[in-house]
């Protein structure tokens, strides 16, 4: 089963159909690309502040571990563990970025795949929304 959170942009259109088309569905779960290549994943998702924080953090960690005298294999393992953490928290990073941009979380849905989750969400959401707000 997949869990998605649904987010709505600030200044959403008045028409519910237009609003529905602009909603962002973010899957909750491990992201292997974010774990293997965090900078490329962040660039691909336009997470610029998260990328800056990641690069500063990794650089500071690398310098700090070198100052402590740890050997390269140990530093590599710690870096891989950090990247694995990014893979587990990738969706939270996306949600954080959306919140910072003024988006609001309007729901959560569970289903077998994204299409089923979208159908379930819109079955309930569309009927509860006025045609124009």
Foldseek 3Di string as FASTA:
>chain_A
DKKWWKKFAPPQAQAPVSRLVRIDIFIQFFAVCQLVPVLVVCVVVVLVVVNVVVVVVLVVLVVVVVVVVDDPVVNVVVVSVVSRVCRNCVSVSVVVVRVVNPMDTDGMFDDDDPVVRSVVVCVPVVVVGDRGD
